[in-house]
Full PDB file with SEQRES, HELIX, SHEET, SSBOND, CRYST1, ORIGX, SCALE, CONECT and MASTER records, all heavy atoms in Angstrom:
SEQRES   1 A   31  ARG GLN LEU SER LEU ASP ASP TYR MET ASP VAL ASN ALA          
SEQRES   2 A   31  ALA THR ALA LEU ARG ASN ALA ILE LYS ALA ALA GLU ILE          
SEQRES   3 A   31  ALA GLU ARG ASP ALA                                          
HELIX    1 AA1 LEU A    5  TYR A    8  5                                   4    
HELIX    2 AA2 VAL A   11  ASP A   30  1                                  20    
CRYST1    1.000    1.000    1.000  90.00  90.00  90.00 P 1           1          
ORIGX1      1.000000  0.000000  0.000000        0.00000                         
ORIGX2      0.000000  1.000000  0.000000        0.00000                         
ORIGX3      0.000000  0.000000  1.000000        0.00000                         
SCALE1      1.000000  0.000000  0.000000        0.00000                         
SCALE2      0.000000  1.000000  0.000000        0.00000                         
SCALE3      0.000000  0.000000  1.000000        0.00000                         
ATOM      1  N   ARG A   1     -25.026  -7.350 -24.059  1.00  0.00           N  
ATOM      2  CA  ARG A   1     -25.096  -6.387 -22.950  1.00  0.00           C  
ATOM      3  C   ARG A   1     -24.379  -5.091 -23.330  1.00  0.00           C  
ATOM      4  O   ARG A   1     -23.330  -5.108 -23.958  1.00  0.00           O  
ATOM      5  CB  ARG A   1     -24.435  -6.989 -21.698  1.00  0.00           C  
ATOM      6  CG  ARG A   1     -24.572  -6.125 -20.445  1.00  0.00           C  
ATOM      7  CD  ARG A   1     -24.026  -6.869 -19.232  1.00  0.00           C  
ATOM      8  NE  ARG A   1     -22.603  -7.103 -19.347  1.00  0.00           N  
ATOM      9  CZ  ARG A   1     -21.675  -6.224 -18.939  1.00  0.00           C  
ATOM     10  NH1 ARG A   1     -22.046  -5.061 -18.433  1.00  0.00           N  
ATOM     11  NH2 ARG A   1     -20.391  -6.509 -19.060  1.00  0.00           N  
ATOM     12  N   GLN A   2     -24.986  -3.955 -22.950  1.00  0.00           N  
ATOM     13  CA  GLN A   2     -24.364  -2.671 -23.210  1.00  0.00           C  
ATOM     14  C   GLN A   2     -23.118  -2.500 -22.340  1.00  0.00           C  
ATOM     15  O   GLN A   2     -23.174  -2.672 -21.123  1.00  0.00           O  
ATOM     16  CB  GLN A   2     -25.360  -1.531 -22.934  1.00  0.00           C  
ATOM     17  CG  GLN A   2     -26.570  -1.535 -23.842  1.00  0.00           C  
ATOM     18  CD  GLN A   2     -26.204  -1.288 -25.293  1.00  0.00           C  
ATOM     19  OE1 GLN A   2     -25.313  -0.500 -25.587  1.00  0.00           O  
ATOM     20  NE2 GLN A   2     -26.877  -1.978 -26.208  1.00  0.00           N  
ATOM     21  N   LEU A   3     -22.012  -2.163 -22.962  1.00  0.00           N  
ATOM     22  CA  LEU A   3     -20.735  -2.051 -22.263  1.00  0.00           C  
ATOM     23  C   LEU A   3     -20.370  -0.590 -22.042  1.00  0.00           C  
ATOM     24  O   LEU A   3     -20.832   0.308 -22.743  1.00  0.00           O  
ATOM     25  CB  LEU A   3     -19.634  -2.736 -23.078  1.00  0.00           C  
ATOM     26  CG  LEU A   3     -19.854  -4.229 -23.378  1.00  0.00           C  
ATOM     27  CD1 LEU A   3     -18.776  -4.731 -24.321  1.00  0.00           C  
ATOM     28  CD2 LEU A   3     -19.852  -5.039 -22.090  1.00  0.00           C  
ATOM     29  N   SER A   4     -19.513  -0.353 -21.047  1.00  0.00           N  
ATOM     30  CA  SER A   4     -19.015   0.987 -20.758  1.00  0.00           C  
ATOM     31  C   SER A   4     -17.582   0.883 -20.256  1.00  0.00           C  
ATOM     32  O   SER A   4     -17.072  -0.217 -20.004  1.00  0.00           O  
ATOM     33  CB  SER A   4     -19.895   1.691 -19.708  1.00  0.00           C  
ATOM     34  OG  SER A   4     -19.819   0.999 -18.466  1.00  0.00           O  
ATOM     35  N   LEU A   5     -16.920   2.028 -20.110  1.00  0.00           N  
ATOM     36  CA  LEU A   5     -15.532   2.039 -19.635  1.00  0.00           C  
ATOM     37  C   LEU A   5     -15.411   1.453 -18.240  1.00  0.00           C  
ATOM     38  O   LEU A   5     -14.407   0.804 -17.909  1.00  0.00           O  
ATOM     39  CB  LEU A   5     -14.990   3.480 -19.644  1.00  0.00           C  
ATOM     40  CG  LEU A   5     -14.566   4.044 -20.997  1.00  0.00           C  
ATOM     41  CD1 LEU A   5     -14.131   5.491 -20.832  1.00  0.00           C  
ATOM     42  CD2 LEU A   5     -13.440   3.226 -21.607  1.00  0.00           C  
ATOM     43  N   ASP A   6     -16.424   1.674 -17.411  1.00  0.00           N  
ATOM     44  CA  ASP A   6     -16.347   1.202 -16.022  1.00  0.00           C  
ATOM     45  C   ASP A   6     -16.241  -0.317 -15.946  1.00  0.00           C  
ATOM     46  O   ASP A   6     -15.753  -0.854 -14.944  1.00  0.00           O  
ATOM     47  CB  ASP A   6     -17.579   1.671 -15.236  1.00  0.00           C  
ATOM     48  CG  ASP A   6     -17.553   3.173 -15.007  1.00  0.00           C  
ATOM     49  OD1 ASP A   6     -16.458   3.755 -15.076  1.00  0.00           O  
ATOM     50  OD2 ASP A   6     -18.623   3.761 -14.775  1.00  0.00           O  
ATOM     51  N   ASP A   7     -16.686  -1.016 -17.020  1.00  0.00           N  
ATOM     52  CA  ASP A   7     -16.594  -2.477 -17.005  1.00  0.00           C  
ATOM     53  C   ASP A   7     -15.151  -2.966 -17.083  1.00  0.00           C  
ATOM     54  O   ASP A   7     -14.876  -4.125 -16.779  1.00  0.00           O  
ATOM     55  CB  ASP A   7     -17.403  -3.066 -18.167  1.00  0.00           C  
ATOM     56  CG  ASP A   7     -18.898  -2.799 -18.015  1.00  0.00           C  
ATOM     57  OD1 ASP A   7     -19.379  -2.808 -16.870  1.00  0.00           O  
ATOM     58  OD2 ASP A   7     -19.566  -2.578 -19.034  1.00  0.00           O  
ATOM     59  N   TYR A   8     -14.233  -2.099 -17.517  1.00  0.00           N  
ATOM     60  CA  TYR A   8     -12.837  -2.499 -17.683  1.00  0.00           C  
ATOM     61  C   TYR A   8     -11.899  -1.659 -16.815  1.00  0.00           C  
ATOM     62  O   TYR A   8     -10.717  -1.539 -17.097  1.00  0.00           O  
ATOM     63  CB  TYR A   8     -12.444  -2.371 -19.162  1.00  0.00           C  
ATOM     64  CG  TYR A   8     -13.255  -3.273 -20.046  1.00  0.00           C  
ATOM     65  CD1 TYR A   8     -14.433  -2.811 -20.641  1.00  0.00           C  
ATOM     66  CD2 TYR A   8     -12.896  -4.589 -20.257  1.00  0.00           C  
ATOM     67  CE1 TYR A   8     -15.205  -3.642 -21.439  1.00  0.00           C  
ATOM     68  CE2 TYR A   8     -13.661  -5.427 -21.061  1.00  0.00           C  
ATOM     69  CZ  TYR A   8     -14.810  -4.945 -21.638  1.00  0.00           C  
ATOM     70  OH  TYR A   8     -15.577  -5.779 -22.423  1.00  0.00           O  
ATOM     71  N   MET A   9     -12.440  -1.069 -15.750  1.00  0.00           N  
ATOM     72  CA  MET A   9     -11.638  -0.266 -14.820  1.00  0.00           C  
ATOM     73  C   MET A   9     -11.821  -0.802 -13.405  1.00  0.00           C  
ATOM     74  O   MET A   9     -12.835  -1.442 -13.091  1.00  0.00           O  
ATOM     75  CB  MET A   9     -12.070   1.215 -14.890  1.00  0.00           C  
ATOM     76  CG  MET A   9     -11.806   1.875 -16.237  1.00  0.00           C  
ATOM     77  SD  MET A   9     -12.536   3.524 -16.367  1.00  0.00           S  
ATOM     78  CE  MET A   9     -11.707   4.373 -15.023  1.00  0.00           C  
ATOM     79  N   ASP A  10     -10.805  -0.518 -12.559  1.00  0.00           N  
ATOM     80  CA  ASP A  10     -10.919  -0.812 -11.132  1.00  0.00           C  
ATOM     81  C   ASP A  10     -11.951   0.148 -10.546  1.00  0.00           C  
ATOM     82  O   ASP A  10     -11.697   1.351 -10.437  1.00  0.00           O  
ATOM     83  CB  ASP A  10      -9.554  -0.646 -10.454  1.00  0.00           C  
ATOM     84  CG  ASP A  10      -9.584  -1.093  -8.999  1.00  0.00           C  
ATOM     85  OD1 ASP A  10     -10.687  -1.160  -8.412  1.00  0.00           O  
ATOM     86  OD2 ASP A  10      -8.510  -1.360  -8.436  1.00  0.00           O  
ATOM     87  N   VAL A  11     -13.102  -0.388 -10.206  1.00  0.00           N  
ATOM     88  CA  VAL A  11     -14.218   0.478  -9.787  1.00  0.00           C  
ATOM     89  C   VAL A  11     -13.845   1.291  -8.553  1.00  0.00           C  
ATOM     90  O   VAL A  11     -14.108   2.503  -8.491  1.00  0.00           O  
ATOM     91  CB  VAL A  11     -15.472  -0.376  -9.509  1.00  0.00           C  
ATOM     92  CG1 VAL A  11     -16.617   0.507  -9.022  1.00  0.00           C  
ATOM     93  CG2 VAL A  11     -15.885  -1.129 -10.759  1.00  0.00           C  
ATOM     94  N   ASN A  12     -13.200   0.658  -7.567  1.00  0.00           N  
ATOM     95  CA  ASN A  12     -12.849   1.374  -6.332  1.00  0.00           C  
ATOM     96  C   ASN A  12     -11.847   2.485  -6.613  1.00  0.00           C  
ATOM     97  O   ASN A  12     -11.999   3.608  -6.124  1.00  0.00           O  
ATOM     98  CB  ASN A  12     -12.284   0.392  -5.303  1.00  0.00           C  
ATOM     99  CG  ASN A  12     -13.332  -0.620  -4.846  1.00  0.00           C  
ATOM    100  OD1 ASN A  12     -14.524  -0.313  -4.812  1.00  0.00           O  
ATOM    101  ND2 ASN A  12     -12.898  -1.823  -4.510  1.00  0.00           N  
ATOM    102  N   ALA A  13     -10.807   2.160  -7.420  1.00  0.00           N  
ATOM    103  CA  ALA A  13      -9.789   3.179  -7.731  1.00  0.00           C  
ATOM    104  C   ALA A  13     -10.402   4.314  -8.545  1.00  0.00           C  
ATOM    105  O   ALA A  13     -10.122   5.496  -8.289  1.00  0.00           O  
ATOM    106  CB  ALA A  13      -8.633   2.535  -8.485  1.00  0.00           C  
ATOM    107  N   ALA A  14     -11.241   3.972  -9.524  1.00  0.00           N  
ATOM    108  CA  ALA A  14     -11.861   5.011 -10.344  1.00  0.00           C  
ATOM    109  C   ALA A  14     -12.789   5.880  -9.504  1.00  0.00           C  
ATOM    110  O   ALA A  14     -12.812   7.116  -9.659  1.00  0.00           O  
ATOM    111  CB  ALA A  14     -12.637   4.372 -11.491  1.00  0.00           C  
ATOM    112  N   THR A  15     -13.534   5.272  -8.595  1.00  0.00           N  
ATOM    113  CA  THR A  15     -14.424   6.050  -7.726  1.00  0.00           C  
ATOM    114  C   THR A  15     -13.634   6.974  -6.819  1.00  0.00           C  
ATOM    115  O   THR A  15     -14.010   8.141  -6.615  1.00  0.00           O  
ATOM    116  CB  THR A  15     -15.299   5.097  -6.882  1.00  0.00           C  
ATOM    117  OG1 THR A  15     -16.053   4.244  -7.758  1.00  0.00           O  
ATOM    118  CG2 THR A  15     -16.253   5.876  -6.002  1.00  0.00           C  
ATOM    119  N   ALA A  16     -12.517   6.457  -6.285  1.00  0.00           N  
ATOM    120  CA  ALA A  16     -11.675   7.283  -5.412  1.00  0.00           C  
ATOM    121  C   ALA A  16     -11.110   8.466  -6.177  1.00  0.00           C  
ATOM    122  O   ALA A  16     -11.075   9.599  -5.662  1.00  0.00           O  
ATOM    123  CB  ALA A  16     -10.553   6.432  -4.821  1.00  0.00           C  
ATOM    124  N   LEU A  17     -10.657   8.240  -7.420  1.00  0.00           N  
ATOM    125  CA  LEU A  17     -10.117   9.334  -8.227  1.00  0.00           C  
ATOM    126  C   LEU A  17     -11.187  10.361  -8.563  1.00  0.00           C  
ATOM    127  O   LEU A  17     -10.930  11.584  -8.487  1.00  0.00           O  
ATOM    128  CB  LEU A  17      -9.507   8.779  -9.511  1.00  0.00           C  
ATOM    129  CG  LEU A  17      -8.182   8.021  -9.372  1.00  0.00           C  
ATOM    130  CD1 LEU A  17      -7.774   7.387 -10.687  1.00  0.00           C  
ATOM    131  CD2 LEU A  17      -7.080   8.956  -8.871  1.00  0.00           C  
ATOM    132  N   ARG A  18     -12.378   9.892  -8.918  1.00  0.00           N  
ATOM    133  CA  ARG A  18     -13.457  10.837  -9.237  1.00  0.00           C  
ATOM    134  C   ARG A  18     -13.847  11.646  -8.007  1.00  0.00           C  
ATOM    135  O   ARG A  18     -14.109  12.863  -8.109  1.00  0.00           O  
ATOM    136  CB  ARG A  18     -14.663  10.076  -9.775  1.00  0.00           C  
ATOM    137  CG  ARG A  18     -14.428   9.447 -11.150  1.00  0.00           C  
ATOM    138  CD  ARG A  18     -15.716   8.933 -11.751  1.00  0.00           C  
ATOM    139  NE  ARG A  18     -15.490   8.313 -13.062  1.00  0.00           N  
ATOM    140  CZ  ARG A  18     -15.440   7.017 -13.287  1.00  0.00           C  
ATOM    141  NH1 ARG A  18     -15.640   6.158 -12.273  1.00  0.00           N  
ATOM    142  NH2 ARG A  18     -15.223   6.537 -14.507  1.00  0.00           N  
ATOM    143  N   ASN A  19     -13.885  10.997  -6.830  1.00  0.00           N  
ATOM    144  CA  ASN A  19     -14.189  11.732  -5.596  1.00  0.00           C  
ATOM    145  C   ASN A  19     -13.097  12.739  -5.279  1.00  0.00           C  
ATOM    146  O   ASN A  19     -13.389  13.863  -4.830  1.00  0.00           O  
ATOM    147  CB  ASN A  19     -14.354  10.750  -4.431  1.00  0.00           C  
ATOM    148  CG  ASN A  19     -15.610   9.899  -4.578  1.00  0.00           C  
ATOM    149  OD1 ASN A  19     -16.568  10.301  -5.248  1.00  0.00           O  
ATOM    150  ND2 ASN A  19     -15.618   8.731  -3.957  1.00  0.00           N  
ATOM    151  N   ALA A  20     -11.828  12.338  -5.512  1.00  0.00           N  
ATOM    152  CA  ALA A  20     -10.717  13.263  -5.260  1.00  0.00           C  
ATOM    153  C   ALA A  20     -10.791  14.459  -6.201  1.00  0.00           C  
ATOM    154  O   ALA A  20     -10.537  15.602  -5.790  1.00  0.00           O  
ATOM    155  CB  ALA A  20      -9.382  12.525  -5.424  1.00  0.00           C  
ATOM    156  N   ILE A  21     -11.127  14.202  -7.465  1.00  0.00           N  
ATOM    157  CA  ILE A  21     -11.261  15.302  -8.425  1.00  0.00           C  
ATOM    158  C   ILE A  21     -12.381  16.237  -8.010  1.00  0.00           C  
ATOM    159  O   ILE A  21     -12.254  17.472  -8.053  1.00  0.00           O  
ATOM    160  CB  ILE A  21     -11.511  14.734  -9.840  1.00  0.00           C  
ATOM    161  CG1 ILE A  21     -10.264  14.006 -10.344  1.00  0.00           C  
ATOM    162  CG2 ILE A  21     -11.898  15.843 -10.808  1.00  0.00           C  
ATOM    163  CD1 ILE A  21     -10.489  13.258 -11.640  1.00  0.00           C  
ATOM    164  N   LYS A  22     -13.512  15.652  -7.578  1.00  0.00           N  
ATOM    165  CA  LYS A  22     -14.641  16.482  -7.152  1.00  0.00           C  
ATOM    166  C   LYS A  22     -14.282  17.312  -5.926  1.00  0.00           C  
ATOM    167  O   LYS A  22     -14.607  18.513  -5.848  1.00  0.00           O  
ATOM    168  CB  LYS A  22     -15.842  15.583  -6.847  1.00  0.00           C  
ATOM    169  CG  LYS A  22     -17.123  16.340  -6.545  1.00  0.00           C  
ATOM    170  CD  LYS A  22     -18.273  15.375  -6.279  1.00  0.00           C  
ATOM    171  CE  LYS A  22     -18.587  14.568  -7.524  1.00  0.00           C  
ATOM    172  NZ  LYS A  22     -19.775  13.690  -7.316  1.00  0.00           N  
ATOM    173  N   ALA A  23     -13.568  16.686  -4.968  1.00  0.00           N  
ATOM    174  CA  ALA A  23     -13.160  17.417  -3.759  1.00  0.00           C  
ATOM    175  C   ALA A  23     -12.189  18.535  -4.109  1.00  0.00           C  
ATOM    176  O   ALA A  23     -12.266  19.643  -3.545  1.00  0.00           O  
ATOM    177  CB  ALA A  23     -12.529  16.444  -2.763  1.00  0.00           C  
ATOM    178  N   ALA A  24     -11.247  18.247  -5.042  1.00  0.00           N  
ATOM    179  CA  ALA A  24     -10.285  19.278  -5.443  1.00  0.00           C  
ATOM    180  C   ALA A  24     -10.992  20.432  -6.148  1.00  0.00           C  
ATOM    181  O   ALA A  24     -10.632  21.606  -5.953  1.00  0.00           O  
ATOM    182  CB  ALA A  24      -9.226  18.659  -6.352  1.00  0.00           C  
ATOM    183  N   GLU A  25     -11.992  20.117  -6.965  1.00  0.00           N  
ATOM    184  CA  GLU A  25     -12.738  21.179  -7.643  1.00  0.00           C  
ATOM    185  C   GLU A  25     -13.501  22.039  -6.639  1.00  0.00           C  
ATOM    186  O   GLU A  25     -13.564  23.268  -6.782  1.00  0.00           O  
ATOM    187  CB  GLU A  25     -13.689  20.554  -8.664  1.00  0.00           C  
ATOM    188  CG  GLU A  25     -12.979  19.938  -9.864  1.00  0.00           C  
ATOM    189  CD  GLU A  25     -13.933  19.208 -10.784  1.00  0.00           C  
ATOM    190  OE1 GLU A  25     -15.099  18.985 -10.353  1.00  0.00           O  
ATOM    191  OE2 GLU A  25     -13.545  18.867 -11.909  1.00  0.00           O  
ATOM    192  N   ILE A  26     -14.080  21.375  -5.631  1.00  0.00           N  
ATOM    193  CA  ILE A  26     -14.785  22.142  -4.586  1.00  0.00           C  
ATOM    194  C   ILE A  26     -13.803  23.019  -3.821  1.00  0.00           C  
ATOM    195  O   ILE A  26     -14.083  24.205  -3.546  1.00  0.00           O  
ATOM    196  CB  ILE A  26     -15.519  21.181  -3.630  1.00  0.00           C  
ATOM    197  CG1 ILE A  26     -16.638  20.458  -4.384  1.00  0.00           C  
ATOM    198  CG2 ILE A  26     -16.077  21.934  -2.423  1.00  0.00           C  
ATOM    199  CD1 ILE A  26     -17.323  19.378  -3.574  1.00  0.00           C  
ATOM    200  N   ALA A  27     -12.628  22.439  -3.485  1.00  0.00           N  
ATOM    201  CA  ALA A  27     -11.617  23.211  -2.765  1.00  0.00           C  
ATOM    202  C   ALA A  27     -11.127  24.382  -3.603  1.00  0.00           C  
ATOM    203  O   ALA A  27     -10.892  25.484  -3.074  1.00  0.00           O  
ATOM    204  CB  ALA A  27     -10.443  22.302  -2.381  1.00  0.00           C  
ATOM    205  N   GLU A  28     -10.994  24.159  -4.894  1.00  0.00           N  
ATOM    206  CA  GLU A  28     -10.557  25.243  -5.767  1.00  0.00           C  
ATOM    207  C   GLU A  28     -11.593  26.364  -5.816  1.00  0.00           C  
ATOM    208  O   GLU A  28     -11.248  27.552  -5.766  1.00  0.00           O  
ATOM    209  CB  GLU A  28     -10.313  24.695  -7.173  1.00  0.00           C  
ATOM    210  CG  GLU A  28      -9.804  25.755  -8.142  1.00  0.00           C  
ATOM    211  CD  GLU A  28      -9.620  25.208  -9.548  1.00  0.00           C  
ATOM    212  OE1 GLU A  28      -9.832  23.992  -9.738  1.00  0.00           O  
ATOM    213  OE2 GLU A  28      -9.275  26.000 -10.445  1.00  0.00           O  
ATOM    214  N   ARG A  29     -12.877  25.981  -5.897  1.00  0.00           N  
ATOM    215  CA  ARG A  29     -13.922  27.006  -5.899  1.00  0.00           C  
ATOM    216  C   ARG A  29     -13.936  27.778  -4.585  1.00  0.00           C  
ATOM    217  O   ARG A  29     -14.062  29.012  -4.569  1.00  0.00           O  
ATOM    218  CB  ARG A  29     -15.286  26.353  -6.158  1.00  0.00           C  
ATOM    219  CG  ARG A  29     -15.488  25.884  -7.593  1.00  0.00           C  
ATOM    220  CD  ARG A  29     -16.951  25.636  -7.883  1.00  0.00           C  
ATOM    221  NE  ARG A  29     -17.484  24.574  -7.025  1.00  0.00           N  
ATOM    222  CZ  ARG A  29     -17.496  23.293  -7.349  1.00  0.00           C  
ATOM    223  NH1 ARG A  29     -16.981  22.897  -8.498  1.00  0.00           N  
ATOM    224  NH2 ARG A  29     -18.012  22.390  -6.529  1.00  0.00           N  
ATOM    225  N   ASP A  30     -13.804  27.049  -3.469  1.00  0.00           N  
ATOM    226  CA  ASP A  30     -13.788  27.728  -2.164  1.00  0.00           C  
ATOM    227  C   ASP A  30     -12.585  28.650  -2.051  1.00  0.00           C  
ATOM    228  O   ASP A  30     -12.695  29.785  -1.546  1.00  0.00           O  
ATOM    229  CB  ASP A  30     -13.763  26.687  -1.034  1.00  0.00           C  
ATOM    230  CG  ASP A  30     -15.060  25.882  -0.968  1.00  0.00           C  
ATOM    231  OD1 ASP A  30     -16.077  26.358  -1.552  1.00  0.00           O  
ATOM    232  OD2 ASP A  30     -15.061  24.793  -0.360  1.00  0.00           O  
ATOM    233  N   ALA A  31     -11.417  28.151  -2.512  1.00  0.00           N  
ATOM    234  CA  ALA A  31     -10.208  28.968  -2.434  1.00  0.00           C  
ATOM    235  C   ALA A  31     -10.327  30.197  -3.325  1.00  0.00           C  
ATOM    236  O   ALA A  31      -9.862  31.290  -2.962  1.00  0.00           O  
ATOM    237  CB  ALA A  31      -8.991  28.130  -2.830  1.00  0.00           C  
TER     238      ALA A  31                                                      
MASTER        0    0    0    2    0    0    0    6  237    1    0    3          
END                                                                             
């Protein structure tokens, strides 16, 4: 099976961090 980093990470925590990064980038652009 093809493996990726997500297979060895906490999916919920990683998703929350990626969403937070995306929100911060949007906020930075708006600011």
